[in-house]
Amino acid sequence: MASTVLTDARWITRGAERISLSRFLLWLSPWAVLLAVGVYAAALCLFYGLNQTNMDNRFAFGLWIFLDLGIIALGAGAFFTGFLVYILKRVELKPILNTAVVVGFICYSGAVAILMIDVGQPLRAWFTFWHPNTHSMLTEVTFCISCYLLVLSLEYIPILLRNRQLRRLPSFLVFEHQLHKLVPVLAAVGTLLSFFHQGSLGGLYGVLRGRPFAFRDGFLIWPSTFFLFILSAIASGPSFLVLIIATVEKVTGRKLVPQELYRRLAFISGVLLAIYVAVKCIDTLVWLNYTSPAAGFAPWQYYQHKGFGTPILFAEIILLGLLPAFLLTFRKTAASKPWLLTAAAMACAGVLLNRFVLTVQTLALPTLPFDDFLQYTPSWQEVASFAGVIAYGVIVYSLSYRYLPLFAAPKGRDSHVSGN
């Protein structure tokens, strides 16, 4: 008889049967088709060039860069959870550590894949490492993202080796045990790498003097956007994990983590989001009253174009910033799962809106009197590649959930083996 992981019958039991392989393949089928279409669109871009997209010399950033910055921010739950568990010793978060690693691996590998398409000549991608531009923030971003993807791969291997079939091989069992000892060190290295590349992604826009909408003064050598990107990423990362876990529970019909863990993640995300909103408000006020006028622009000029009115600023700071921060930290709303999930979704939407503003709105706005407002609509190849990355993430997570132990029971209970 299968032993119960928790006394609550809703929890998965050790030895509980998985769904049949045919049903699992049926679940994967539409995602596999979407991934195939994405691979085909990416192949067109790599074979024929970036003329397959609607980007040009003036609008060099588009949907792909928004995707990269967005999923890298949401993937911050991986390094931040590792930081909380191994550095700050918040052991109550350990049950979700494996799923955080898998989500981070998916986000960063998907971002690297789409960057290879965006570069247009992946065979020359090694130029970045062999001939680095030491004066470019993108060089530091490239090195840090590549190194952190390697760290995530090393953190993923011990999870992979815990598969029940692989554990039957003594050499794999010993290797997994030895590699697991390095995980705290990898978590610390990953935290350092992630803090720098998250910040440098934001700092890239903050130093664009030719784009007064994005340009910011800052602290020492870093513009304020450097710190804003770090804060927004670590604030939205836990919320994204909440949404992922809740979605998996809904799809599988199984309870994976206790409600208290949801509330703990929500509180962490809410506090950090409140700090981010406070810093963002100060940054916006400085920009409105000093930075923009010093560049010769009245702030309202940036919001006079259709689609980029002042409501977008209100939505980013109040509707998708301050409001979810309150809902995630207020005891009554955090205790209600529907309210908690709604607030988590709003927090994630807020960071995505912020990345959209900096990647798309910044380039669309004219910076000279004779410049025109730039219109940009992604081509179907861009959209299909975007969708392909999402499909890739669903497939990798589904396989990991089915065959690997992604969730652990709370301390003192029988260990949860998800998918063995």
Protein backbone atom coordinates (compact mmCIF):
# COMPACT_ATOMS: atom_id res chain seq x y z
CA MET A 1 0.00 0.00 0.00
CA ALA A 2 1.27 3.47 -0.86
CA SER A 3 2.36 5.42 2.22
CA THR A 4 0.78 8.83 2.66
CA VAL A 5 3.07 11.83 2.46
CA LEU A 6 0.80 13.92 4.69
CA THR A 7 -2.21 13.04 6.76
CA ASP A 8 -4.37 15.14 4.44
CA ALA A 9 -5.66 12.78 1.75
CA ARG A 10 -5.35 15.50 -0.86
CA TRP A 11 -1.56 15.20 -0.73
CA ILE A 12 0.29 12.95 -3.14
CA THR A 13 1.20 9.58 -1.70
CA ARG A 14 4.44 7.71 -2.17
CA GLY A 15 3.87 5.22 -4.95
CA ALA A 16 0.71 6.92 -6.23
CA GLU A 17 0.12 6.01 -9.83
CA ARG A 18 0.82 8.57 -12.52
CA ILE A 19 -1.61 9.19 -15.30
CA SER A 20 -1.23 6.83 -18.22
CA LEU A 21 1.44 7.48 -20.80
CA SER A 22 -1.21 7.97 -23.49
CA ARG A 23 -2.91 10.74 -21.49
CA PHE A 24 0.43 12.34 -20.76
CA LEU A 25 1.36 12.32 -24.46
CA LEU A 26 -2.06 13.77 -25.27
CA TRP A 27 -1.28 16.64 -22.86
CA LEU A 28 2.09 17.22 -24.53
CA SER A 29 0.79 17.03 -28.12
CA PRO A 30 -0.46 20.63 -28.60
CA TRP A 31 2.65 22.00 -26.92
CA ALA A 32 4.84 19.86 -29.18
CA VAL A 33 3.03 21.24 -32.25
CA LEU A 34 3.50 24.81 -30.97
CA LEU A 35 7.18 24.12 -30.34
CA ALA A 36 7.58 22.71 -33.87
CA VAL A 37 6.03 25.86 -35.36
CA GLY A 38 8.36 27.98 -33.22
CA VAL A 39 11.41 26.00 -34.36
CA TYR A 40 10.32 26.42 -37.99
CA ALA A 41 9.92 30.20 -37.53
CA ALA A 42 13.32 30.39 -35.84
CA ALA A 43 14.89 28.42 -38.68
CA LEU A 44 13.47 30.92 -41.19
CA CYS A 45 15.05 33.78 -39.25
CA LEU A 46 18.42 32.02 -39.04
CA PHE A 47 18.43 30.93 -42.69
CA TYR A 48 17.03 34.04 -44.39
CA GLY A 49 18.07 36.63 -41.83
CA LEU A 50 16.29 39.16 -39.66
CA ASN A 51 14.32 40.47 -42.65
CA GLN A 52 11.82 37.83 -41.51
CA THR A 53 11.03 40.15 -38.61
CA ASN A 54 9.51 43.63 -38.52
CA MET A 55 12.55 45.10 -36.78
CA ASP A 56 14.94 47.41 -38.61
CA ASN A 57 17.94 49.65 -38.00
CA ARG A 58 15.81 52.17 -36.09
CA PHE A 59 13.72 49.64 -34.15
CA ALA A 60 16.43 47.12 -33.34
CA PHE A 61 14.74 45.81 -30.17
CA GLY A 62 11.32 44.21 -30.27
CA LEU A 63 9.25 41.30 -29.04
CA TRP A 64 12.27 39.03 -28.53
CA ILE A 65 14.09 41.41 -26.23
CA PHE A 66 10.88 41.94 -24.29
CA LEU A 67 10.63 38.15 -23.98
CA ASP A 68 14.24 37.90 -22.80
CA LEU A 69 13.96 40.60 -20.16
CA GLY A 70 10.54 39.37 -19.07
CA ILE A 71 11.33 35.70 -18.53
CA ILE A 72 14.72 36.49 -17.00
CA ALA A 73 12.94 38.68 -14.45
CA LEU A 74 10.33 36.01 -13.71
CA GLY A 75 13.06 33.39 -13.53
CA ALA A 76 14.62 35.29 -10.63
CA GLY A 77 12.68 33.01 -8.31
CA ALA A 78 15.40 30.40 -8.87
CA PHE A 79 18.39 32.33 -7.59
CA PHE A 80 16.38 34.21 -4.96
CA THR A 81 14.90 31.01 -3.51
CA GLY A 82 18.38 29.48 -3.38
CA PHE A 83 19.62 32.63 -1.67
CA LEU A 84 16.83 32.46 0.92
CA VAL A 85 17.31 28.74 1.63
CA TYR A 86 21.09 28.39 1.62
CA ILE A 87 22.31 31.86 2.58
CA LEU A 88 19.54 33.17 4.85
CA LYS A 89 18.62 29.65 6.09
CA ARG A 90 14.88 29.96 5.37
CA VAL A 91 14.47 26.18 5.39
CA GLU A 92 10.67 26.41 5.25
CA LEU A 93 11.08 27.24 1.53
CA LYS A 94 13.08 24.09 0.80
CA PRO A 95 10.05 22.09 -0.48
CA ILE A 96 9.86 24.35 -3.55
CA LEU A 97 13.60 24.62 -4.18
CA ASN A 98 13.68 21.95 -6.88
CA THR A 99 10.77 23.43 -8.81
CA ALA A 100 12.41 26.86 -8.55
CA VAL A 101 15.59 25.46 -10.12
CA VAL A 102 13.63 23.87 -12.97
CA VAL A 103 11.68 27.08 -13.62
CA GLY A 104 14.91 29.09 -13.58
CA PHE A 105 16.59 26.64 -15.97
CA ILE A 106 13.65 26.87 -18.36
CA CYS A 107 13.58 30.68 -18.26
CA TYR A 108 17.30 31.17 -18.80
CA SER A 109 17.76 28.47 -21.44
CA GLY A 110 14.74 29.86 -23.30
CA ALA A 111 16.19 33.37 -23.09
CA VAL A 112 19.56 32.20 -24.43
CA ALA A 113 17.84 30.34 -27.28
CA ILE A 114 15.85 33.39 -28.36
CA LEU A 115 18.97 35.55 -28.10
CA MET A 116 20.70 33.28 -30.59
CA ILE A 117 17.89 33.99 -33.03
CA ASP A 118 17.96 37.70 -32.27
CA VAL A 119 21.70 37.91 -32.93
CA GLY A 120 21.03 36.43 -36.34
CA GLN A 121 24.39 34.70 -36.69
CA PRO A 122 24.67 32.15 -33.87
CA LEU A 123 27.84 30.69 -35.41
CA ARG A 124 29.53 33.96 -34.46
CA ALA A 125 28.11 34.06 -30.95
CA TRP A 126 31.53 33.11 -29.61
CA PHE A 127 32.80 36.53 -30.74
CA THR A 128 31.18 37.96 -27.60
CA PHE A 129 33.49 35.89 -25.43
CA TRP A 130 36.65 36.04 -27.56
CA HIS A 131 36.39 39.72 -28.57
CA PRO A 132 34.44 41.30 -25.68
CA ASN A 133 33.62 44.98 -25.69
CA THR A 134 34.78 45.84 -22.19
CA HIS A 135 32.93 49.17 -22.30
CA SER A 136 29.53 47.56 -22.88
CA MET A 137 27.12 46.44 -20.18
CA LEU A 138 25.90 43.77 -22.59
CA THR A 139 29.30 42.08 -22.33
CA GLU A 140 28.85 41.66 -18.59
CA VAL A 141 25.27 40.51 -19.15
CA THR A 142 26.43 37.91 -21.69
CA PHE A 143 29.07 36.48 -19.39
CA CYS A 144 26.80 36.43 -16.33
CA ILE A 145 23.80 34.89 -18.10
CA SER A 146 25.97 32.22 -19.71
CA CYS A 147 27.66 31.40 -16.39
CA TYR A 148 24.37 31.37 -14.50
CA LEU A 149 22.81 29.03 -17.07
CA LEU A 150 25.77 26.72 -16.42
CA VAL A 151 25.13 27.01 -12.66
CA LEU A 152 21.44 26.18 -13.17
CA SER A 153 22.40 23.16 -15.27
CA LEU A 154 24.67 21.94 -12.47
CA GLU A 155 21.84 22.47 -9.97
CA TYR A 156 19.43 20.60 -12.25
CA ILE A 157 21.66 17.53 -12.59
CA PRO A 158 21.20 16.35 -8.96
CA ILE A 159 17.43 16.61 -9.41
CA LEU A 160 17.70 14.61 -12.63
CA LEU A 161 19.77 11.94 -10.92
CA ARG A 162 17.07 11.45 -8.28
CA ASN A 163 14.89 9.75 -10.83
CA ARG A 164 13.96 6.33 -9.46
CA GLN A 165 15.39 4.46 -12.43
CA LEU A 166 18.68 6.36 -12.40
CA ARG A 167 19.09 5.89 -8.66
CA ARG A 168 19.37 2.16 -9.24
CA LEU A 169 22.83 2.77 -10.71
CA PRO A 170 25.31 3.06 -7.82
CA SER A 171 27.70 5.33 -9.73
CA PHE A 172 24.90 7.80 -10.46
CA LEU A 173 23.78 7.66 -6.83
CA VAL A 174 27.28 8.48 -5.58
CA PHE A 175 27.71 11.24 -8.17
CA GLU A 176 24.38 12.80 -7.18
CA HIS A 177 25.34 12.69 -3.50
CA GLN A 178 28.69 14.38 -4.13
CA LEU A 179 27.23 16.98 -6.49
CA HIS A 180 24.49 17.78 -3.99
CA LYS A 181 27.18 18.95 -1.55
CA LEU A 182 28.08 21.72 -4.01
CA VAL A 183 24.54 23.08 -4.28
CA PRO A 184 24.94 25.70 -1.49
CA VAL A 185 28.09 26.99 -3.20
CA LEU A 186 26.32 27.03 -6.57
CA ALA A 187 23.42 28.92 -4.98
CA ALA A 188 25.81 31.59 -3.67
CA VAL A 189 27.60 31.90 -7.03
CA GLY A 190 24.25 32.03 -8.83
CA THR A 191 23.03 34.80 -6.53
CA LEU A 192 26.11 36.90 -7.28
CA LEU A 193 25.85 36.35 -11.04
CA SER A 194 22.12 37.05 -11.10
CA PHE A 195 22.30 40.26 -9.09
CA PHE A 196 24.82 41.67 -11.54
CA HIS A 197 23.16 40.66 -14.78
CA GLN A 198 19.68 41.66 -13.59
CA GLY A 199 21.09 45.07 -12.69
CA SER A 200 23.11 45.47 -15.87
CA LEU A 201 20.08 44.71 -18.02
CA GLY A 202 18.39 47.70 -16.42
CA GLY A 203 21.56 49.78 -16.39
CA LEU A 204 21.81 49.34 -20.16
CA TYR A 205 18.73 51.53 -20.64
CA GLY A 206 19.65 53.94 -17.87
CA VAL A 207 22.87 55.01 -19.63
CA LEU A 208 21.19 55.74 -22.99
CA ARG A 209 21.68 59.51 -23.05
CA GLY A 210 20.21 59.60 -26.53
CA ARG A 211 16.94 58.25 -25.12
CA PRO A 212 15.80 60.76 -22.48
CA PHE A 213 12.74 58.65 -21.68
CA ALA A 214 14.97 55.89 -20.30
CA PHE A 215 18.08 57.81 -19.22
CA ARG A 216 18.55 58.09 -15.47
CA ASP A 217 21.06 59.57 -13.09
CA GLY A 218 22.19 57.19 -10.41
CA PHE A 219 24.44 56.14 -7.58
CA LEU A 220 28.21 56.14 -8.28
CA ILE A 221 28.64 54.41 -11.67
CA TRP A 222 25.19 52.79 -11.75
CA PRO A 223 22.00 54.46 -13.00
CA SER A 224 18.90 54.00 -10.88
CA THR A 225 17.49 51.48 -13.37
CA PHE A 226 20.28 49.10 -12.29
CA PHE A 227 18.77 48.80 -8.82
CA LEU A 228 15.16 48.95 -10.03
CA PHE A 229 15.66 45.89 -12.23
CA ILE A 230 17.13 43.91 -9.33
CA LEU A 231 14.30 44.89 -6.99
CA SER A 232 11.54 44.18 -9.50
CA ALA A 233 13.03 40.79 -10.41
CA ILE A 234 13.36 39.50 -6.85
CA ALA A 235 9.89 40.88 -6.06
CA SER A 236 8.17 39.12 -8.96
CA GLY A 237 10.16 35.85 -8.80
CA PRO A 238 8.33 34.42 -5.74
CA SER A 239 4.97 35.48 -7.20
CA PHE A 240 5.77 33.64 -10.43
CA LEU A 241 6.60 30.50 -8.43
CA VAL A 242 3.25 30.82 -6.66
CA LEU A 243 1.47 30.92 -10.03
CA ILE A 244 3.46 27.97 -11.40
CA ILE A 245 2.79 25.76 -8.37
CA ALA A 246 -0.91 26.71 -8.26
CA THR A 247 -1.25 25.95 -11.98
CA VAL A 248 0.38 22.54 -11.57
CA GLU A 249 -1.92 21.77 -8.63
CA LYS A 250 -4.93 22.74 -10.75
CA VAL A 251 -3.85 20.66 -13.76
CA THR A 252 -2.88 17.57 -11.76
CA GLY A 253 -5.59 17.80 -9.13
CA ARG A 254 -3.00 17.23 -6.39
CA LYS A 255 -1.97 19.37 -3.45
CA LEU A 256 1.77 19.95 -3.67
CA VAL A 257 2.61 22.49 -0.96
CA PRO A 258 0.82 23.67 2.20
CA GLN A 259 -1.16 26.89 2.14
CA GLU A 260 1.27 28.37 4.67
CA LEU A 261 4.04 28.18 2.07
CA TYR A 262 1.89 30.13 -0.37
CA ARG A 263 1.41 32.82 2.26
CA ARG A 264 5.11 32.92 3.06
CA LEU A 265 6.05 33.39 -0.60
CA ALA A 266 3.30 36.00 -1.00
CA PHE A 267 4.54 37.97 2.01
CA ILE A 268 8.14 37.96 0.73
CA SER A 269 7.01 39.05 -2.72
CA GLY A 270 4.69 41.72 -1.32
CA VAL A 271 7.31 43.31 0.94
CA LEU A 272 9.88 43.42 -1.84
CA LEU A 273 7.28 44.77 -4.26
CA ALA A 274 6.41 47.55 -1.82
CA ILE A 275 10.09 48.49 -1.56
CA TYR A 276 10.38 48.45 -5.34
CA VAL A 277 7.31 50.68 -5.77
CA ALA A 278 8.68 53.16 -3.23
CA VAL A 279 12.04 53.38 -5.02
CA LYS A 280 10.26 53.52 -8.38
CA CYS A 281 8.14 56.46 -7.22
CA ILE A 282 11.21 58.38 -6.07
CA ASP A 283 12.96 57.60 -9.35
CA THR A 284 9.92 58.74 -11.36
CA LEU A 285 9.61 62.00 -9.43
CA VAL A 286 13.30 62.78 -9.99
CA TRP A 287 12.92 62.01 -13.67
CA LEU A 288 9.77 64.13 -14.01
CA ASN A 289 11.20 67.17 -12.24
CA TYR A 290 14.88 67.07 -13.14
CA THR A 291 16.16 64.50 -15.66
CA SER A 292 13.60 65.04 -18.40
CA PRO A 293 13.54 68.88 -18.26
CA ALA A 294 17.35 68.89 -18.26
CA ALA A 295 17.24 66.99 -21.56
CA GLY A 296 14.91 69.61 -23.05
CA PHE A 297 11.69 67.59 -22.89
CA ALA A 298 8.52 68.23 -20.97
CA PRO A 299 7.54 64.91 -19.36
CA TRP A 300 4.05 64.96 -20.84
CA GLN A 301 5.53 64.79 -24.36
CA TYR A 302 6.41 61.14 -23.83
CA TYR A 303 2.79 60.25 -23.14
CA GLN A 304 1.04 62.08 -25.98
CA HIS A 305 1.30 59.20 -28.45
CA LYS A 306 -1.51 56.71 -28.84
CA GLY A 307 -1.00 53.60 -26.76
CA PHE A 308 1.53 55.26 -24.45
CA GLY A 309 -0.61 57.64 -22.43
CA THR A 310 -0.23 58.39 -18.74
CA PRO A 311 -2.50 55.42 -17.81
CA ILE A 312 0.44 53.14 -18.59
CA LEU A 313 2.45 54.88 -15.86
CA PHE A 314 -0.49 54.63 -13.45
CA ALA A 315 -0.93 50.94 -14.26
CA GLU A 316 2.74 50.13 -13.69
CA ILE A 317 3.11 51.92 -10.35
CA ILE A 318 -0.35 51.78 -8.75
CA LEU A 319 -2.53 49.12 -10.35
CA LEU A 320 0.21 46.50 -10.90
CA GLY A 321 2.58 47.65 -8.19
CA LEU A 322 1.16 49.18 -5.03
CA LEU A 323 -2.15 47.28 -5.15
CA PRO A 324 -0.68 43.74 -5.43
CA ALA A 325 1.92 44.64 -2.79
CA PHE A 326 -0.93 45.45 -0.39
CA LEU A 327 -2.91 42.31 -1.31
CA LEU A 328 0.13 40.05 -0.87
CA THR A 329 1.02 41.42 2.57
CA PHE A 330 -2.45 42.03 4.04
CA ARG A 331 -3.30 39.01 6.18
CA LYS A 332 -6.93 38.55 5.09
CA THR A 333 -6.30 38.73 1.34
CA ALA A 334 -3.13 36.62 1.59
CA ALA A 335 -5.12 33.95 3.45
CA SER A 336 -7.55 33.75 0.52
CA LYS A 337 -6.06 31.72 -2.31
CA PRO A 338 -8.07 33.44 -5.09
CA TRP A 339 -6.96 36.87 -3.86
CA LEU A 340 -3.40 35.66 -3.40
CA LEU A 341 -3.19 34.25 -6.93
CA THR A 342 -4.77 37.37 -8.38
CA ALA A 343 -2.23 39.57 -6.61
CA ALA A 344 0.65 37.32 -7.72
CA ALA A 345 -0.54 37.55 -11.33
CA MET A 346 -0.76 41.34 -11.04
CA ALA A 347 2.78 41.52 -9.65
CA CYS A 348 4.11 39.46 -12.57
CA ALA A 349 2.13 41.56 -15.04
CA GLY A 350 3.65 44.69 -13.50
CA VAL A 351 7.24 43.60 -14.07
CA LEU A 352 6.37 42.52 -17.63
CA LEU A 353 4.81 45.93 -18.27
CA ASN A 354 7.97 47.59 -16.97
CA ARG A 355 10.11 45.55 -19.37
CA PHE A 356 7.74 46.37 -22.23
CA VAL A 357 7.99 50.09 -21.50
CA LEU A 358 11.78 50.03 -21.57
CA THR A 359 12.19 47.77 -24.60
CA VAL A 360 9.36 48.92 -26.88
CA GLN A 361 8.08 52.30 -25.71
CA THR A 362 11.60 53.69 -25.28
CA LEU A 363 12.48 53.02 -28.92
CA ALA A 364 9.11 54.04 -30.32
CA LEU A 365 9.22 57.56 -28.87
CA PRO A 366 10.93 60.28 -30.96
CA THR A 367 13.99 61.91 -29.42
CA LEU A 368 14.51 64.72 -31.95
CA PRO A 369 11.99 67.32 -33.26
CA PHE A 370 12.11 65.91 -36.79
CA ASP A 371 11.83 62.25 -35.72
CA ASP A 372 8.62 60.34 -36.27
CA PHE A 373 6.85 58.11 -33.80
CA LEU A 374 7.94 54.57 -34.70
CA GLN A 375 5.28 51.94 -35.26
CA TYR A 376 6.19 48.33 -34.60
CA THR A 377 4.14 45.17 -34.92
CA PRO A 378 5.96 41.83 -34.58
CA SER A 379 5.87 39.46 -37.53
CA TRP A 380 4.37 35.99 -37.28
CA GLN A 381 7.89 34.56 -37.12
CA GLU A 382 8.59 36.62 -33.99
CA VAL A 383 5.29 35.60 -32.38
CA ALA A 384 5.79 31.93 -33.28
CA SER A 385 9.31 31.92 -31.82
CA PHE A 386 7.93 33.56 -28.68
CA ALA A 387 5.22 30.90 -28.42
CA GLY A 388 7.77 28.18 -29.09
CA VAL A 389 9.75 29.19 -26.00
CA ILE A 390 6.59 28.99 -23.88
CA ALA A 391 5.83 25.53 -25.32
CA TYR A 392 9.40 24.44 -24.60
CA GLY A 393 8.98 25.53 -20.99
CA VAL A 394 5.72 23.62 -20.56
CA ILE A 395 7.22 20.44 -22.05
CA VAL A 396 10.39 20.53 -19.95
CA TYR A 397 8.46 21.23 -16.75
CA SER A 398 5.89 18.53 -17.52
CA LEU A 399 8.61 15.93 -18.08
CA SER A 400 10.41 17.06 -14.92
CA TYR A 401 7.22 16.88 -12.87
CA ARG A 402 6.38 13.40 -14.15
CA TYR A 403 9.77 11.80 -13.72
CA LEU A 404 11.64 13.84 -11.08
CA PRO A 405 11.06 14.74 -7.39
CA LEU A 406 10.18 18.41 -7.70
CA PHE A 407 8.32 18.83 -4.42
CA ALA A 408 9.33 17.79 -0.93
CA ALA A 409 7.10 17.38 2.10
CA PRO A 410 7.45 19.81 5.01
CA LYS A 411 10.19 19.06 7.52
CA GLY A 412 9.39 16.15 9.78
CA ARG A 413 7.09 14.45 7.25
CA ASP A 414 7.68 11.64 4.82
CA SER A 415 9.54 12.96 1.80
CA HIS A 416 7.45 13.69 -1.24
CA VAL A 417 8.54 11.99 -4.44
CA SER A 418 6.78 13.71 -7.30
CA GLY A 419 6.77 11.67 -10.44
CA ASN A 420 8.93 8.73 -9.49
